[in-house]
Amino acid sequence: MKNIKTNAMRQLDAQKIKYEVYTYDAEDGKIDGLSVAQKCHQDVRMVYKTLVARSASNKIYVFVVNVADELDLKKCAKAVHEKSIAMVHVNELLGLTGYVRGGCSPIGMKKKYPVILSDTAASLDSIIFSGGKIGCQIHCSVNDFMKVTQAFMACII
């Protein structure tokens, strides 16, 4: 797995953004964020998960939040000026993003969706997030993450 290149990595490379790749064994089926942080020997406060949601107006949004936190859908709706937000069904994820559950990166999706990063990342220099494949994580600066995803920060937990 050391030589893999995902869409997320290709996009970071194209924009000349420095990043580090962490890989982990997913054969035990433990791909939740807390397990991934442990397997990568990283501080759980730095590890973020990608959650895809749909608004009442049928727009898709990508929310990136610490793995130990839960989205507050009302706060998410308010952040994107929508009436309501609901998580997309896992069966829709591949078609919408090009990624599978557990390997969904906020970078390199099939289409460009608005990305909202939890404001918990404001106190961090860098974050770790899915590299676009189960068993792969990307570590880069928060500033570079914001640049490449064109994200904005909001209180979404």
C-alpha atoms as a PDB file:
ATOM      1  CA  MET A   1       0.000   0.000   0.000  1.00  0.00           C
ATOM      2  CA  LYS A   2       3.036   2.280   0.339  1.00  0.00           C
ATOM      3  CA  ASN A   3       3.029   3.143  -3.394  1.00  0.00           C
ATOM      4  CA  ILE A   4      -0.646   3.969  -3.796  1.00  0.00           C
ATOM      5  CA  LYS A   5      -1.745   7.238  -5.382  1.00  0.00           C
ATOM      6  CA  THR A   6      -5.306   8.299  -4.812  1.00  0.00           C
ATOM      7  CA  ASN A   7      -7.243  11.139  -6.433  1.00  0.00           C
ATOM      8  CA  ALA A   8      -6.728  13.127  -3.233  1.00  0.00           C
ATOM      9  CA  MET A   9      -2.950  12.717  -3.450  1.00  0.00           C
ATOM     10  CA  ARG A  10      -2.904  13.562  -7.155  1.00  0.00           C
ATOM     11  CA  GLN A  11      -4.801  16.767  -6.454  1.00  0.00           C
ATOM     12  CA  LEU A  12      -2.413  17.717  -3.635  1.00  0.00           C
ATOM     13  CA  ASP A  13       0.556  16.939  -5.900  1.00  0.00           C
ATOM     14  CA  ALA A  14      -0.914  19.066  -8.712  1.00  0.00           C
ATOM     15  CA  GLN A  15      -1.165  22.026  -6.329  1.00  0.00           C
ATOM     16  CA  LYS A  16       2.335  21.356  -4.945  1.00  0.00           C
ATOM     17  CA  ILE A  17       1.014  20.892  -1.421  1.00  0.00           C
ATOM     18  CA  LYS A  18       3.198  19.033   1.059  1.00  0.00           C
ATOM     19  CA  TYR A  19       1.565  16.093   2.792  1.00  0.00           C
ATOM     20  CA  GLU A  20       2.408  12.883   4.561  1.00  0.00           C
ATOM     21  CA  VAL A  21       0.673   9.542   4.037  1.00  0.00           C
ATOM     22  CA  TYR A  22      -0.092   7.108   6.846  1.00  0.00           C
ATOM     23  CA  THR A  23      -1.253   3.604   6.077  1.00  0.00           C
ATOM     24  CA  TYR A  24      -2.890   1.089   8.376  1.00  0.00           C
ATOM     25  CA  ASP A  25      -4.158  -2.478   8.243  1.00  0.00           C
ATOM     26  CA  ALA A  26      -7.935  -2.568   7.800  1.00  0.00           C
ATOM     27  CA  GLU A  27      -8.327  -6.348   7.574  1.00  0.00           C
ATOM     28  CA  ASP A  28      -9.820  -6.484  11.077  1.00  0.00           C
ATOM     29  CA  GLY A  29     -12.722  -4.298   9.846  1.00  0.00           C
ATOM     30  CA  LYS A  30     -11.979  -1.555  12.359  1.00  0.00           C
ATOM     31  CA  ILE A  31     -12.099   1.526  10.135  1.00  0.00           C
ATOM     32  CA  ASP A  32     -13.831   3.936  12.498  1.00  0.00           C
ATOM     33  CA  GLY A  33     -11.929   7.136  13.197  1.00  0.00           C
ATOM     34  CA  LEU A  34     -10.853   6.287  16.720  1.00  0.00           C
ATOM     35  CA  SER A  35      -9.427   2.942  15.588  1.00  0.00           C
ATOM     36  CA  VAL A  36      -7.689   4.609  12.647  1.00  0.00           C
ATOM     37  CA  ALA A  37      -6.056   7.200  14.926  1.00  0.00           C
ATOM     38  CA  GLN A  38      -4.797   4.400  17.158  1.00  0.00           C
ATOM     39  CA  LYS A  39      -3.554   2.293  14.242  1.00  0.00           C
ATOM     40  CA  CYS A  40      -1.689   5.281  12.773  1.00  0.00           C
ATOM     41  CA  HIS A  41      -0.248   6.128  16.218  1.00  0.00           C
ATOM     42  CA  GLN A  42      -1.645   9.663  15.969  1.00  0.00           C
ATOM     43  CA  ASP A  43      -3.293  11.991  18.472  1.00  0.00           C
ATOM     44  CA  VAL A  44      -7.050  11.540  18.073  1.00  0.00           C
ATOM     45  CA  ARG A  45      -7.482  15.339  18.254  1.00  0.00           C
ATOM     46  CA  MET A  46      -5.734  15.624  14.872  1.00  0.00           C
ATOM     47  CA  VAL A  47      -7.745  12.962  13.037  1.00  0.00           C
ATOM     48  CA  TYR A  48     -10.829  14.099  11.126  1.00  0.00           C
ATOM     49  CA  LYS A  49     -13.600  12.246   9.309  1.00  0.00           C
ATOM     50  CA  THR A  50     -15.475  13.195   6.148  1.00  0.00           C
ATOM     51  CA  LEU A  51     -19.279  13.208   6.276  1.00  0.00           C
ATOM     52  CA  VAL A  52     -21.450  13.852   3.247  1.00  0.00           C
ATOM     53  CA  ALA A  53     -24.910  15.365   3.618  1.00  0.00           C
ATOM     54  CA  ARG A  54     -27.784  16.642   1.502  1.00  0.00           C
ATOM     55  CA  SER A  55     -29.823  19.755   2.174  1.00  0.00           C
ATOM     56  CA  ALA A  56     -33.577  20.178   1.871  1.00  0.00           C
ATOM     57  CA  SER A  57     -32.843  22.014  -1.397  1.00  0.00           C
ATOM     58  CA  ASN A  58     -31.017  18.861  -2.623  1.00  0.00           C
ATOM     59  CA  LYS A  59     -27.494  20.342  -2.501  1.00  0.00           C
ATOM     60  CA  ILE A  60     -24.599  18.155  -1.383  1.00  0.00           C
ATOM     61  CA  TYR A  61     -22.218  19.356   1.348  1.00  0.00           C
ATOM     62  CA  VAL A  62     -19.069  17.823   2.778  1.00  0.00           C
ATOM     63  CA  PHE A  63     -18.508  18.234   6.515  1.00  0.00           C
ATOM     64  CA  VAL A  64     -15.114  17.460   8.036  1.00  0.00           C
ATOM     65  CA  VAL A  65     -15.150  16.913  11.779  1.00  0.00           C
ATOM     66  CA  ASN A  66     -12.923  15.362  14.422  1.00  0.00           C
ATOM     67  CA  VAL A  67     -13.410  11.600  14.686  1.00  0.00           C
ATOM     68  CA  ALA A  68     -14.430  11.882  18.343  1.00  0.00           C
ATOM     69  CA  ASP A  69     -17.189  14.397  17.566  1.00  0.00           C
ATOM     70  CA  GLU A  70     -20.701  14.081  16.147  1.00  0.00           C
ATOM     71  CA  LEU A  71     -22.214  16.484  13.641  1.00  0.00           C
ATOM     72  CA  ASP A  72     -25.021  18.713  14.831  1.00  0.00           C
ATOM     73  CA  LEU A  73     -27.235  18.749  11.735  1.00  0.00           C
ATOM     74  CA  LYS A  74     -29.036  21.927  12.846  1.00  0.00           C
ATOM     75  CA  LYS A  75     -25.706  23.742  13.180  1.00  0.00           C
ATOM     76  CA  CYS A  76     -24.667  22.345   9.790  1.00  0.00           C
ATOM     77  CA  ALA A  77     -27.831  23.674   8.153  1.00  0.00           C
ATOM     78  CA  LYS A  78     -27.287  27.074   9.738  1.00  0.00           C
ATOM     79  CA  ALA A  79     -23.631  27.128   8.584  1.00  0.00           C
ATOM     80  CA  VAL A  80     -24.643  26.612   4.947  1.00  0.00           C
ATOM     81  CA  HIS A  81     -27.826  28.712   5.114  1.00  0.00           C
ATOM     82  CA  GLU A  82     -30.147  25.791   4.478  1.00  0.00           C
ATOM     83  CA  LYS A  83     -33.456  24.842   6.081  1.00  0.00           C
ATOM     84  CA  SER A  84     -32.250  21.354   6.989  1.00  0.00           C
ATOM     85  CA  ILE A  85     -29.455  18.855   6.388  1.00  0.00           C
ATOM     86  CA  ALA A  86     -29.503  15.044   6.428  1.00  0.00           C
ATOM     87  CA  MET A  87     -26.715  12.538   5.969  1.00  0.00           C
ATOM     88  CA  VAL A  88     -26.643  10.839   2.571  1.00  0.00           C
ATOM     89  CA  HIS A  89     -27.238   7.105   2.634  1.00  0.00           C
ATOM     90  CA  VAL A  90     -24.042   5.043   2.505  1.00  0.00           C
ATOM     91  CA  ASN A  91     -25.295   3.460  -0.755  1.00  0.00           C
ATOM     92  CA  GLU A  92     -25.154   6.886  -2.429  1.00  0.00           C
ATOM     93  CA  LEU A  93     -21.612   7.713  -1.331  1.00  0.00           C
ATOM     94  CA  LEU A  94     -19.679   6.070  -4.173  1.00  0.00           C
ATOM     95  CA  GLY A  95     -21.903   7.565  -6.875  1.00  0.00           C
ATOM     96  CA  LEU A  96     -21.718  11.064  -5.401  1.00  0.00           C
ATOM     97  CA  THR A  97     -18.064  11.178  -4.383  1.00  0.00           C
ATOM     98  CA  GLY A  98     -16.188   8.357  -6.079  1.00  0.00           C
ATOM     99  CA  TYR A  99     -15.212   7.103  -2.618  1.00  0.00           C
ATOM    100  CA  VAL A 100     -16.485   4.346  -0.322  1.00  0.00           C
ATOM    101  CA  ARG A 101     -17.435   4.590   3.360  1.00  0.00           C
ATOM    102  CA  GLY A 102     -14.254   4.539   5.417  1.00  0.00           C
ATOM    103  CA  GLY A 103     -12.199   5.867   2.509  1.00  0.00           C
ATOM    104  CA  CYS A 104     -14.018   9.084   1.668  1.00  0.00           C
ATOM    105  CA  SER A 105     -11.603  11.987   1.296  1.00  0.00           C
ATOM    106  CA  PRO A 106     -12.785  15.598   1.172  1.00  0.00           C
ATOM    107  CA  ILE A 107     -10.212  16.068  -1.614  1.00  0.00           C
ATOM    108  CA  GLY A 108     -10.541  14.605  -5.111  1.00  0.00           C
ATOM    109  CA  MET A 109     -14.255  13.818  -5.184  1.00  0.00           C
ATOM    110  CA  LYS A 110     -16.044  13.249  -8.501  1.00  0.00           C
ATOM    111  CA  LYS A 111     -17.625  16.704  -8.224  1.00  0.00           C
ATOM    112  CA  LYS A 112     -16.629  19.814  -6.319  1.00  0.00           C
ATOM    113  CA  TYR A 113     -18.903  20.167  -3.285  1.00  0.00           C
ATOM    114  CA  PRO A 114     -18.753  22.851  -0.602  1.00  0.00           C
ATOM    115  CA  VAL A 115     -16.482  21.711   2.237  1.00  0.00           C
ATOM    116  CA  ILE A 116     -17.064  22.855   5.805  1.00  0.00           C
ATOM    117  CA  LEU A 117     -14.332  22.149   8.347  1.00  0.00           C
ATOM    118  CA  SER A 118     -15.220  22.047  12.026  1.00  0.00           C
ATOM    119  CA  ASP A 119     -13.896  25.100  13.817  1.00  0.00           C
ATOM    120  CA  THR A 120     -12.231  22.702  16.264  1.00  0.00           C
ATOM    121  CA  ALA A 121      -9.405  22.621  13.691  1.00  0.00           C
ATOM    122  CA  ALA A 122      -8.728  26.343  14.208  1.00  0.00           C
ATOM    123  CA  SER A 123      -6.402  25.568  17.112  1.00  0.00           C
ATOM    124  CA  LEU A 124      -4.403  23.005  15.115  1.00  0.00           C
ATOM    125  CA  ASP A 125      -1.497  23.483  12.717  1.00  0.00           C
ATOM    126  CA  SER A 126      -2.344  20.324  10.774  1.00  0.00           C
ATOM    127  CA  ILE A 127      -4.986  17.627  10.474  1.00  0.00           C
ATOM    128  CA  ILE A 128      -5.180  14.026   9.327  1.00  0.00           C
ATOM    129  CA  PHE A 129      -8.026  12.841   7.099  1.00  0.00           C
ATOM    130  CA  SER A 130      -8.901  10.016   4.727  1.00  0.00           C
ATOM    131  CA  GLY A 131      -6.546   9.617   1.811  1.00  0.00           C
ATOM    132  CA  GLY A 132      -9.301   8.334  -0.465  1.00  0.00           C
ATOM    133  CA  LYS A 133      -8.870   4.630   0.208  1.00  0.00           C
ATOM    134  CA  ILE A 134      -9.532   2.471   3.237  1.00  0.00           C
ATOM    135  CA  GLY A 135      -6.197   1.987   4.982  1.00  0.00           C
ATOM    136  CA  CYS A 136      -4.797   5.360   3.938  1.00  0.00           C
ATOM    137  CA  GLN A 137      -4.713   8.728   5.708  1.00  0.00           C
ATOM    138  CA  ILE A 138      -3.273  12.099   4.646  1.00  0.00           C
ATOM    139  CA  HIS A 139      -1.631  14.584   7.009  1.00  0.00           C
ATOM    140  CA  CYS A 140      -1.287  18.199   5.888  1.00  0.00           C
ATOM    141  CA  SER A 141      -1.473  21.704   7.288  1.00  0.00           C
ATOM    142  CA  VAL A 142      -4.872  23.184   8.038  1.00  0.00           C
ATOM    143  CA  ASN A 143      -4.024  26.144   5.790  1.00  0.00           C
ATOM    144  CA  ASP A 144      -3.200  23.867   2.853  1.00  0.00           C
ATOM    145  CA  PHE A 145      -6.346  21.814   3.512  1.00  0.00           C
ATOM    146  CA  MET A 146      -8.435  24.996   3.442  1.00  0.00           C
ATOM    147  CA  LYS A 147      -6.728  26.119   0.239  1.00  0.00           C
ATOM    148  CA  VAL A 148      -7.130  22.892  -1.706  1.00  0.00           C
ATOM    149  CA  THR A 149     -10.737  22.257  -0.629  1.00  0.00           C
ATOM    150  CA  GLN A 150     -11.788  25.932  -0.637  1.00  0.00           C
ATOM    151  CA  ALA A 151     -13.360  25.112   2.721  1.00  0.00           C
ATOM    152  CA  PHE A 152     -14.619  27.430   5.393  1.00  0.00           C
ATOM    153  CA  MET A 153     -14.715  26.794   9.114  1.00  0.00           C
ATOM    154  CA  ALA A 154     -17.910  26.717  11.146  1.00  0.00           C
ATOM    155  CA  CYS A 155     -19.282  25.452  14.431  1.00  0.00           C
ATOM    156  CA  ILE A 156     -20.874  22.183  13.260  1.00  0.00           C
ATOM    157  CA  ILE A 157     -20.668  19.999  16.375  1.00  0.00           C
END
